[in-house]
């Protein structure tokens, strides 16, 4: 590695503004604040809903007059 061209790399504390969870990561930044983390994001907590996709399928079937032969 060349001297003097690389940024300082150190451990910093990341703070989630939604749930106030704190954890440490390595970074070149001094302070990191995030909106959502894996503790409060719906995808990771299992509270994600897919209701919009079902509506799209129903609209498509209605538009092209497709009967559900389930």
PDB file of N, CA and C in Angstrom:
ATOM      1  N   UNK A   1       0.840  -1.188   0.000  1.00  0.00           N
ATOM      2  CA  UNK A   1       0.000   0.000   0.000  1.00  0.00           C
ATOM      3  C   UNK A   1       0.878   1.242   0.000  1.00  0.00           C
ATOM      4  N   UNK A   2       0.461   2.233  -0.757  1.00  0.00           N
ATOM      5  CA  UNK A   2       1.179   3.502  -0.763  1.00  0.00           C
ATOM      6  C   UNK A   2       0.806   4.291   0.488  1.00  0.00           C
ATOM      7  N   UNK A   3       1.752   5.010   1.011  1.00  0.00           N
ATOM      8  CA  UNK A   3       1.505   5.819   2.204  1.00  0.00           C
ATOM      9  C   UNK A   3       0.823   7.126   1.848  1.00  0.00           C
ATOM     10  N   UNK A   4      -0.149   7.538   2.679  1.00  0.00           N
ATOM     11  CA  UNK A   4      -0.762   8.849   2.532  1.00  0.00           C
ATOM     12  C   UNK A   4      -1.922   8.953   1.564  1.00  0.00           C
ATOM     13  N   UNK A   5      -2.312   7.872   0.873  1.00  0.00           N
ATOM     14  CA  UNK A   5      -3.408   8.001  -0.086  1.00  0.00           C
ATOM     15  C   UNK A   5      -4.681   7.294   0.362  1.00  0.00           C
ATOM     16  N   UNK A   6      -4.608   6.485   1.401  1.00  0.00           N
ATOM     17  CA  UNK A   6      -5.755   5.719   1.853  1.00  0.00           C
ATOM     18  C   UNK A   6      -6.439   6.423   3.031  1.00  0.00           C
ATOM     19  N   UNK A   7      -7.780   6.388   3.072  1.00  0.00           N
ATOM     20  CA  UNK A   7      -8.484   7.023   4.192  1.00  0.00           C
ATOM     21  C   UNK A   7      -8.316   6.204   5.478  1.00  0.00           C
ATOM     22  N   UNK A   8      -8.524   6.857   6.604  1.00  0.00           N
ATOM     23  CA  UNK A   8      -8.459   6.180   7.896  1.00  0.00           C
ATOM     24  C   UNK A   8      -9.641   5.227   8.028  1.00  0.00           C
ATOM     25  N   UNK A   9      -9.379   3.994   8.411  1.00  0.00           N
ATOM     26  CA  UNK A   9     -10.422   2.982   8.593  1.00  0.00           C
ATOM     27  C   UNK A   9     -10.466   2.647  10.074  1.00  0.00           C
ATOM     28  N   UNK A  10     -11.652   2.808  10.678  1.00  0.00           N
ATOM     29  CA  UNK A  10     -11.788   2.545  12.094  1.00  0.00           C
ATOM     30  C   UNK A  10     -13.190   2.034  12.412  1.00  0.00           C
ATOM     31  N   UNK A  11     -13.369   1.535  13.621  1.00  0.00           N
ATOM     32  CA  UNK A  11     -14.670   1.038  14.060  1.00  0.00           C
ATOM     33  C   UNK A  11     -15.528   2.228  14.490  1.00  0.00           C
ATOM     34  N   UNK A  12     -16.767   2.287  13.972  1.00  0.00           N
ATOM     35  CA  UNK A  12     -17.690   3.363  14.314  1.00  0.00           C
ATOM     36  C   UNK A  12     -19.017   2.765  14.792  1.00  0.00           C
ATOM     37  N   UNK A  13     -19.772   3.551  15.526  1.00  0.00           N
ATOM     38  CA  UNK A  13     -21.060   3.110  16.033  1.00  0.00           C
ATOM     39  C   UNK A  13     -22.149   3.575  15.072  1.00  0.00           C
ATOM     40  N   UNK A  14     -22.993   2.630  14.631  1.00  0.00           N
ATOM     41  CA  UNK A  14     -24.123   2.934  13.760  1.00  0.00           C
ATOM     42  C   UNK A  14     -25.364   3.020  14.634  1.00  0.00           C
ATOM     43  N   UNK A  15     -26.159   4.095  14.457  1.00  0.00           N
ATOM     44  CA  UNK A  15     -27.363   4.294  15.250  1.00  0.00           C
ATOM     45  C   UNK A  15     -28.573   4.317  14.324  1.00  0.00           C
ATOM     46  N   UNK A  16     -29.580   3.496  14.629  1.00  0.00           N
ATOM     47  CA  UNK A  16     -30.832   3.466  13.871  1.00  0.00           C
ATOM     48  C   UNK A  16     -31.768   4.513  14.467  1.00  0.00           C
ATOM     49  N   UNK A  17     -32.292   5.387  13.632  1.00  0.00           N
ATOM     50  CA  UNK A  17     -33.170   6.448  14.132  1.00  0.00           C
ATOM     51  C   UNK A  17     -34.585   5.951  14.412  1.00  0.00           C
ATOM     52  N   UNK A  18     -34.966   4.779  13.903  1.00  0.00           N
ATOM     53  CA  UNK A  18     -36.310   4.246  14.129  1.00  0.00           C
ATOM     54  C   UNK A  18     -36.428   3.546  15.479  1.00  0.00           C
ATOM     55  N   UNK A  19     -35.467   2.680  15.773  1.00  0.00           N
ATOM     56  CA  UNK A  19     -35.585   1.873  16.994  1.00  0.00           C
ATOM     57  C   UNK A  19     -34.445   2.103  17.977  1.00  0.00           C
ATOM     58  N   UNK A  20     -33.541   3.030  17.664  1.00  0.00           N
ATOM     59  CA  UNK A  20     -32.399   3.389  18.523  1.00  0.00           C
ATOM     60  C   UNK A  20     -31.449   2.230  18.795  1.00  0.00           C
ATOM     61  N   UNK A  21     -31.383   1.259  17.891  1.00  0.00           N
ATOM     62  CA  UNK A  21     -30.432   0.166  18.007  1.00  0.00           C
ATOM     63  C   UNK A  21     -29.053   0.675  17.621  1.00  0.00           C
ATOM     64  N   UNK A  22     -28.038   0.230  18.352  1.00  0.00           N
ATOM     65  CA  UNK A  22     -26.665   0.622  18.059  1.00  0.00           C
ATOM     66  C   UNK A  22     -25.827  -0.626  17.816  1.00  0.00           C
ATOM     67  N   UNK A  23     -24.954  -0.569  16.797  1.00  0.00           N
ATOM     68  CA  UNK A  23     -24.007  -1.654  16.552  1.00  0.00           C
ATOM     69  C   UNK A  23     -22.768  -1.061  15.917  1.00  0.00           C
ATOM     70  N   UNK A  24     -21.664  -1.787  15.948  1.00  0.00           N
ATOM     71  CA  UNK A  24     -20.401  -1.284  15.433  1.00  0.00           C
ATOM     72  C   UNK A  24     -20.053  -1.934  14.107  1.00  0.00           C
ATOM     73  N   UNK A  25     -19.507  -1.120  13.210  1.00  0.00           N
ATOM     74  CA  UNK A  25     -19.016  -1.583  11.919  1.00  0.00           C
ATOM     75  C   UNK A  25     -17.714  -0.868  11.605  1.00  0.00           C
ATOM     76  N   UNK A  26     -16.952  -1.403  10.686  1.00  0.00           N
ATOM     77  CA  UNK A  26     -15.746  -0.735  10.230  1.00  0.00           C
ATOM     78  C   UNK A  26     -16.089   0.205   9.088  1.00  0.00           C
ATOM     79  N   UNK A  27     -15.571   1.435   9.138  1.00  0.00           N
ATOM     80  CA  UNK A  27     -15.900   2.424   8.115  1.00  0.00           C
ATOM     81  C   UNK A  27     -14.843   3.515   8.070  1.00  0.00           C
ATOM     82  N   UNK A  28     -14.891   4.286   6.992  1.00  0.00           N
ATOM     83  CA  UNK A  28     -14.038   5.464   6.887  1.00  0.00           C
ATOM     84  C   UNK A  28     -14.771   6.709   7.368  1.00  0.00           C
ATOM     85  N   UNK A  29     -16.080   6.594   7.638  1.00  0.00           N
ATOM     86  CA  UNK A  29     -16.873   7.708   8.157  1.00  0.00           C
ATOM     87  C   UNK A  29     -16.667   7.816   9.663  1.00  0.00           C
ATOM     88  N   UNK A  30     -16.947   8.990  10.212  1.00  0.00           N
ATOM     89  CA  UNK A  30     -16.820   9.206  11.657  1.00  0.00           C
ATOM     90  C   UNK A  30     -18.082   8.786  12.406  1.00  0.00           C
ATOM     91  N   UNK A  31     -19.265   9.063  11.826  1.00  0.00           N
ATOM     92  CA  UNK A  31     -20.538   8.804  12.486  1.00  0.00           C
ATOM     93  C   UNK A  31     -21.546   8.349  11.433  1.00  0.00           C
ATOM     94  N   UNK A  32     -22.294   7.283  11.718  1.00  0.00           N
ATOM     95  CA  UNK A  32     -23.279   6.775  10.755  1.00  0.00           C
ATOM     96  C   UNK A  32     -24.637   6.700  11.441  1.00  0.00           C
ATOM     97  N   UNK A  33     -25.639   7.325  10.826  1.00  0.00           N
ATOM     98  CA  UNK A  33     -27.021   7.246  11.296  1.00  0.00           C
ATOM     99  C   UNK A  33     -27.859   6.705  10.142  1.00  0.00           C
ATOM    100  N   UNK A  34     -28.718   5.724  10.447  1.00  0.00           N
ATOM    101  CA  UNK A  34     -29.548   5.114   9.419  1.00  0.00           C
ATOM    102  C   UNK A  34     -31.016   5.235   9.805  1.00  0.00           C
ATOM    103  N   UNK A  35     -31.912   5.139   8.809  1.00  0.00           N
ATOM    104  CA  UNK A  35     -33.351   5.247   9.058  1.00  0.00           C
ATOM    105  C   UNK A  35     -33.940   3.943   9.582  1.00  0.00           C
ATOM    106  N   UNK A  36     -33.590   2.829   8.964  1.00  0.00           N
ATOM    107  CA  UNK A  36     -34.090   1.525   9.399  1.00  0.00           C
ATOM    108  C   UNK A  36     -32.938   0.537   9.415  1.00  0.00           C
ATOM    109  N   UNK A  37     -33.027  -0.420  10.321  1.00  0.00           N
ATOM    110  CA  UNK A  37     -32.006  -1.454  10.418  1.00  0.00           C
ATOM    111  C   UNK A  37     -32.677  -2.817  10.323  1.00  0.00           C
ATOM    112  N   UNK A  38     -31.912  -3.877  10.462  1.00  0.00           N
ATOM    113  CA  UNK A  38     -32.473  -5.222  10.358  1.00  0.00           C
ATOM    114  C   UNK A  38     -33.383  -5.561  11.536  1.00  0.00           C
ATOM    115  N   UNK A  39     -33.296  -4.822  12.630  1.00  0.00           N
ATOM    116  CA  UNK A  39     -34.179  -5.071  13.781  1.00  0.00           C
ATOM    117  C   UNK A  39     -35.575  -4.504  13.580  1.00  0.00           C
ATOM    118  N   UNK A  40     -35.720  -3.457  12.764  1.00  0.00           N
ATOM    119  CA  UNK A  40     -37.026  -2.812  12.622  1.00  0.00           C
ATOM    120  C   UNK A  40     -37.555  -2.804  11.184  1.00  0.00           C
ATOM    121  N   UNK A  41     -36.788  -3.297  10.206  1.00  0.00           N
ATOM    122  CA  UNK A  41     -37.243  -3.311   8.824  1.00  0.00           C
ATOM    123  C   UNK A  41     -38.273  -4.426   8.627  1.00  0.00           C
ATOM    124  N   UNK A  42     -39.404  -4.150   7.958  1.00  0.00           N
ATOM    125  CA  UNK A  42     -40.466  -5.147   7.791  1.00  0.00           C
ATOM    126  C   UNK A  42     -40.014  -6.437   7.096  1.00  0.00           C
ATOM    127  N   UNK A  43     -39.078  -6.366   6.188  1.00  0.00           N
ATOM    128  CA  UNK A  43     -38.624  -7.572   5.488  1.00  0.00           C
ATOM    129  C   UNK A  43     -37.956  -8.549   6.447  1.00  0.00           C
ATOM    130  N   UNK A  44     -37.149  -8.042   7.364  1.00  0.00           N
ATOM    131  CA  UNK A  44     -36.418  -8.893   8.292  1.00  0.00           C
ATOM    132  C   UNK A  44     -37.245  -9.298   9.504  1.00  0.00           C
ATOM    133  N   UNK A  45     -38.242  -8.508   9.872  1.00  0.00           N
ATOM    134  CA  UNK A  45     -39.067  -8.838  11.032  1.00  0.00           C
ATOM    135  C   UNK A  45     -40.215  -9.767  10.681  1.00  0.00           C
ATOM    136  N   UNK A  46     -40.500  -9.974   9.385  1.00  0.00           N
ATOM    137  CA  UNK A  46     -41.576 -10.860   8.971  1.00  0.00           C
ATOM    138  C   UNK A  46     -42.931 -10.187   8.929  1.00  0.00           C
ATOM    139  N   UNK A  47     -42.975  -8.872   9.025  1.00  0.00           N
ATOM    140  CA  UNK A  47     -44.239  -8.146   9.013  1.00  0.00           C
ATOM    141  C   UNK A  47     -44.528  -7.514   7.656  1.00  0.00           C
ATOM    142  N   UNK A  48     -43.816  -7.962   6.636  1.00  0.00           N
ATOM    143  CA  UNK A  48     -44.003  -7.425   5.296  1.00  0.00           C
ATOM    144  C   UNK A  48     -45.283  -8.001   4.702  1.00  0.00           C
ATOM    145  N   UNK A  49     -46.022  -7.148   3.999  1.00  0.00           N
ATOM    146  CA  UNK A  49     -47.276  -7.581   3.392  1.00  0.00           C
ATOM    147  C   UNK A  49     -47.158  -7.536   1.879  1.00  0.00           C
ATOM    148  N   UNK A  50     -47.801  -8.470   1.211  1.00  0.00           N
ATOM    149  CA  UNK A  50     -47.788  -8.540  -0.242  1.00  0.00           C
ATOM    150  C   UNK A  50     -49.189  -8.343  -0.799  1.00  0.00           C
ATOM    151  N   UNK A  51     -49.976  -7.503  -0.184  1.00  0.00           N
ATOM    152  CA  UNK A  51     -51.367  -7.303  -0.586  1.00  0.00           C
ATOM    153  C   UNK A  51     -51.467  -6.648  -1.964  1.00  0.00           C
ATOM    154  N   UNK A  52     -50.527  -5.808  -2.311  1.00  0.00           N
ATOM    155  CA  UNK A  52     -50.586  -5.099  -3.586  1.00  0.00           C
ATOM    156  C   UNK A  52     -50.434  -6.064  -4.764  1.00  0.00           C
ATOM    157  N   UNK A  53     -49.610  -7.096  -4.634  1.00  0.00           N
ATOM    158  CA  UNK A  53     -49.401  -8.050  -5.718  1.00  0.00           C
ATOM    159  C   UNK A  53     -50.691  -8.798  -6.040  1.00  0.00           C
ATOM    160  N   UNK A  54     -51.448  -9.166  -5.016  1.00  0.00           N
ATOM    161  CA  UNK A  54     -52.702  -9.874  -5.239  1.00  0.00           C
ATOM    162  C   UNK A  54     -53.675  -8.998  -6.020  1.00  0.00           C
ATOM    163  N   UNK A  55     -53.716  -7.729  -5.742  1.00  0.00           N
ATOM    164  CA  UNK A  55     -54.587  -6.811  -6.467  1.00  0.00           C
ATOM    165  C   UNK A  55     -54.212  -6.692  -7.928  1.00  0.00           C
ATOM    166  N   UNK A  56     -52.938  -6.726  -8.237  1.00  0.00           N
ATOM    167  CA  UNK A  56     -52.480  -6.644  -9.621  1.00  0.00           C
ATOM    168  C   UNK A  56     -52.923  -7.861 -10.420  1.00  0.00           C
ATOM    169  N   UNK A  57     -52.856  -9.033  -9.796  1.00  0.00           N
ATOM    170  CA  UNK A  57     -53.262 -10.260 -10.485  1.00  0.00           C
ATOM    171  C   UNK A  57     -54.753 -10.228 -10.786  1.00  0.00           C
ATOM    172  N   UNK A  58     -55.536  -9.792  -9.804  1.00  0.00           N
ATOM    173  CA  UNK A  58     -56.989  -9.708 -10.008  1.00  0.00           C
ATOM    174  C   UNK A  58     -57.342  -8.711 -11.104  1.00  0.00           C
ATOM    175  N   UNK A  59     -56.659  -7.567 -11.133  1.00  0.00           N
ATOM    176  CA  UNK A  59     -56.916  -6.571 -12.188  1.00  0.00           C
ATOM    177  C   UNK A  59     -56.559  -7.119 -13.563  1.00  0.00           C
ATOM    178  N   UNK A  60     -55.434  -7.848 -13.654  1.00  0.00           N
ATOM    179  CA  UNK A  60     -55.026  -8.438 -14.927  1.00  0.00           C
ATOM    180  C   UNK A  60     -56.073  -9.434 -15.404  1.00  0.00           C
ATOM    181  N   UNK A  61     -56.511 -10.314 -14.515  1.00  0.00           N
ATOM    182  CA  UNK A  61     -57.519 -11.309 -14.886  1.00  0.00           C
ATOM    183  C   UNK A  61     -58.831 -10.655 -15.308  1.00  0.00           C
ATOM    184  N   UNK A  62     -59.216  -9.595 -14.623  1.00  0.00           N
ATOM    185  CA  UNK A  62     -60.450  -8.892 -14.966  1.00  0.00           C
ATOM    186  C   UNK A  62     -60.313  -8.181 -16.309  1.00  0.00           C
ATOM    187  N   UNK A  63     -59.152  -7.577 -16.559  1.00  0.00           N
ATOM    188  CA  UNK A  63     -58.909  -6.835 -17.800  1.00  0.00           C
ATOM    189  C   UNK A  63     -59.004  -7.751 -19.018  1.00  0.00           C
ATOM    190  N   UNK A  64     -58.436  -8.957 -18.910  1.00  0.00           N
ATOM    191  CA  UNK A  64     -58.415  -9.880 -20.042  1.00  0.00           C
ATOM    192  C   UNK A  64     -59.494 -10.953 -19.934  1.00  0.00           C
ATOM    193  N   UNK A  65     -60.440 -10.769 -19.007  1.00  0.00           N
ATOM    194  CA  UNK A  65     -61.581 -11.650 -18.836  1.00  0.00           C
ATOM    195  C   UNK A  65     -61.144 -13.117 -18.656  1.00  0.00           C
ATOM    196  N   UNK A  66     -60.198 -13.319 -17.782  1.00  0.00           N
ATOM    197  CA  UNK A  66     -59.701 -14.667 -17.504  1.00  0.00           C
ATOM    198  C   UNK A  66     -60.439 -15.203 -16.282  1.00  0.00           C
ATOM    199  N   UNK A  67     -61.008 -16.376 -16.441  1.00  0.00           N
ATOM    200  CA  UNK A  67     -61.723 -17.017 -15.346  1.00  0.00           C
ATOM    201  C   UNK A  67     -60.753 -17.869 -14.536  1.00  0.00           C
ATOM    202  N   UNK A  68     -60.896 -17.830 -13.245  1.00  0.00           N
ATOM    203  CA  UNK A  68     -60.040 -18.609 -12.361  1.00  0.00           C
ATOM    204  C   UNK A  68     -60.567 -20.036 -12.290  1.00  0.00           C
ATOM    205  N   UNK A  69     -59.833 -20.988 -12.882  1.00  0.00           N
ATOM    206  CA  UNK A  69     -60.288 -22.375 -12.937  1.00  0.00           C
ATOM    207  C   UNK A  69     -59.592 -23.213 -11.871  1.00  0.00           C
ATOM    208  N   UNK A  70     -59.210 -22.588 -10.740  1.00  0.00           N
ATOM    209  CA  UNK A  70     -58.455 -23.120  -9.656  1.00  0.00           C
ATOM    210  C   UNK A  70     -58.782 -24.433  -9.187  1.00  0.00           C
TER     211      UNK A  70
END
